[in-house]
Protein backbone atom coordinates (compact mmCIF):
# COMPACT_ATOMS: atom_id res chain seq x y z
CA GLN A 1 0.00 0.00 0.00
CA VAL A 2 1.56 3.26 -1.16
CA GLN A 3 1.27 6.18 1.23
CA LEU A 4 2.25 9.81 0.78
CA VAL A 5 3.27 12.37 3.39
CA GLU A 6 3.83 16.02 2.50
CA SER A 7 5.93 18.55 4.34
CA GLY A 8 7.55 21.92 3.80
CA GLY A 9 4.56 24.21 3.82
CA GLY A 10 4.57 27.46 5.74
CA SER A 11 4.06 31.19 5.57
CA VAL A 12 6.18 33.43 3.37
CA GLN A 13 6.01 36.88 1.93
CA ALA A 14 5.33 37.49 -1.72
CA GLY A 15 8.44 36.90 -3.77
CA GLY A 16 9.72 34.27 -1.40
CA SER A 17 10.34 30.57 -1.93
CA LEU A 18 9.29 27.28 -0.40
CA ARG A 19 10.22 23.70 -1.16
CA LEU A 20 7.56 21.08 -0.57
CA SER A 21 8.50 17.44 -0.10
CA CYS A 22 6.44 14.30 -0.52
CA VAL A 23 7.71 11.03 0.90
CA ILE A 24 6.52 7.91 -0.90
CA SER A 25 6.27 4.78 1.22
CA GLY A 26 5.35 1.37 -0.05
CA ARG A 27 6.08 -0.45 -3.25
CA THR A 28 5.86 1.37 -6.56
CA SER A 29 6.32 0.24 -10.13
CA GLY A 30 9.04 1.50 -12.44
CA THR A 31 6.83 4.14 -14.01
CA TYR A 32 3.98 6.03 -12.41
CA TYR A 33 2.73 9.57 -12.14
CA MET A 34 3.24 11.96 -9.23
CA GLY A 35 1.44 15.25 -9.02
CA TRP A 36 1.11 18.32 -6.87
CA PHE A 37 -2.33 19.81 -6.54
CA ARG A 38 -3.67 22.71 -4.54
CA GLN A 39 -6.98 23.91 -3.26
CA ALA A 40 -7.76 27.32 -1.86
CA PRO A 41 -10.87 27.94 0.27
CA GLY A 42 -13.93 28.26 -1.92
CA LYS A 43 -12.06 27.24 -5.05
CA GLU A 44 -11.79 24.05 -7.05
CA ARG A 45 -8.75 21.84 -6.81
CA GLU A 46 -6.08 22.82 -9.30
CA GLY A 47 -3.30 20.73 -10.75
CA VAL A 48 0.00 22.54 -10.28
CA ALA A 49 2.71 20.21 -11.54
CA SER A 50 3.17 16.55 -12.30
CA MET A 51 5.88 14.17 -13.36
CA TRP A 52 5.92 10.83 -15.09
CA ILE A 53 8.32 9.01 -12.82
CA GLY A 54 10.67 6.69 -14.66
CA VAL A 55 10.23 8.61 -17.91
CA GLY A 56 10.92 12.13 -16.72
CA SER A 57 8.17 14.06 -18.47
CA THR A 58 6.91 17.04 -16.51
CA TYR A 59 3.77 19.10 -16.78
CA TYR A 60 2.94 22.50 -15.30
CA ALA A 61 -0.10 24.67 -14.96
CA ASP A 62 0.27 27.95 -16.83
CA SER A 63 -0.15 29.83 -13.55
CA VAL A 64 3.06 28.39 -12.14
CA LYS A 65 5.17 27.80 -15.21
CA ASP A 66 8.68 29.26 -14.85
CA ARG A 67 8.16 29.68 -11.10
CA PHE A 68 7.61 26.14 -9.83
CA THR A 69 9.70 23.03 -10.49
CA ILE A 70 8.82 19.42 -9.77
CA ASP A 71 11.61 16.93 -9.30
CA HIS A 72 12.16 13.47 -7.95
CA ASP A 73 14.81 11.71 -5.89
CA ASN A 74 14.42 8.03 -6.65
CA ALA A 75 16.87 6.89 -3.97
CA LYS A 76 15.04 8.81 -1.26
CA LYS A 77 11.62 8.09 -2.78
CA LYS A 78 10.72 11.74 -2.56
CA VAL A 79 9.05 14.18 -4.90
CA TYR A 80 9.66 17.87 -4.47
CA LEU A 81 7.95 21.04 -5.54
CA GLN A 82 10.28 24.03 -5.57
CA MET A 83 8.20 27.18 -5.51
CA ASN A 84 9.86 30.49 -6.32
CA SER A 85 8.51 34.01 -6.76
CA LEU A 86 5.49 33.11 -4.70
CA LYS A 87 2.37 35.22 -5.01
CA PRO A 88 -0.58 35.68 -2.64
CA GLU A 89 -2.73 33.76 -5.12
CA ASP A 90 -0.51 30.71 -4.53
CA THR A 91 -1.98 30.45 -1.04
CA ALA A 92 -3.66 27.06 -0.72
CA MET A 93 -3.47 23.61 0.76
CA TYR A 94 -1.03 21.65 -1.37
CA TYR A 95 -1.47 17.93 -1.90
CA CYS A 96 0.85 15.31 -3.25
CA ALA A 97 -0.81 12.55 -5.27
CA ALA A 98 0.21 9.36 -7.02
CA ASP A 99 -1.31 7.51 -9.93
CA THR A 100 -0.08 3.95 -9.83
CA TRP A 101 -2.46 2.38 -12.30
CA THR A 102 -2.82 4.56 -15.43
CA PRO A 103 -0.28 3.48 -18.11
CA THR A 104 -0.06 6.85 -19.82
CA MET A 105 -1.67 10.24 -19.51
CA THR A 106 -2.00 13.24 -21.70
CA ALA A 107 -0.59 16.50 -20.36
CA LEU A 108 -4.12 17.60 -19.55
CA GLN A 109 -4.90 14.41 -17.67
CA ALA A 110 -1.64 14.63 -15.72
CA LEU A 111 -2.82 17.90 -14.17
CA ARG A 112 -6.29 16.67 -13.40
CA GLY A 113 -6.72 14.83 -10.15
CA HIS A 114 -9.45 12.39 -11.13
CA LEU A 115 -7.04 9.64 -12.26
CA TYR A 116 -4.80 9.82 -9.20
CA ASN A 117 -5.61 7.04 -6.75
CA ILE A 118 -3.42 7.91 -3.74
CA TRP A 119 -3.37 11.25 -1.92
CA GLY A 120 -1.46 12.77 0.94
CA GLN A 121 -2.97 14.80 3.75
CA GLY A 122 -1.75 18.14 2.45
CA THR A 123 0.50 20.93 3.62
CA GLN A 124 -0.59 24.54 3.92
CA VAL A 125 1.15 27.31 1.99
CA THR A 126 0.33 30.91 2.85
CA VAL A 127 1.78 33.82 0.91
CA SER A 128 1.29 37.32 2.28
CA SER A 129 1.54 40.52 0.28
């Protein structure tokens, strides 16, 4: 049973940076998808970034492109989300998710949460102006 635990959230001022981590426990296959999603109060969940682990493809929402970077440490079984130039509108609960059963996804699907079958508990990110 794969489980995910996020960490690294916090409060920063606009323009600052945070690095979120997601620890993956349990057995995984050679290729699977990992994604970062966020949800602000009163708003729908939004896909932020995802990666096809084992292949290396990455996908980003337009709202975070060139500011956020997703990467993966296979040895540590961790996925990271480096967030730079943070804006108040980035304030949200951030969730790490894994899709261990879909063979391939389109870029659009990779940033939609409905195919991901395993979710972490979330870590709060607050950006003040």
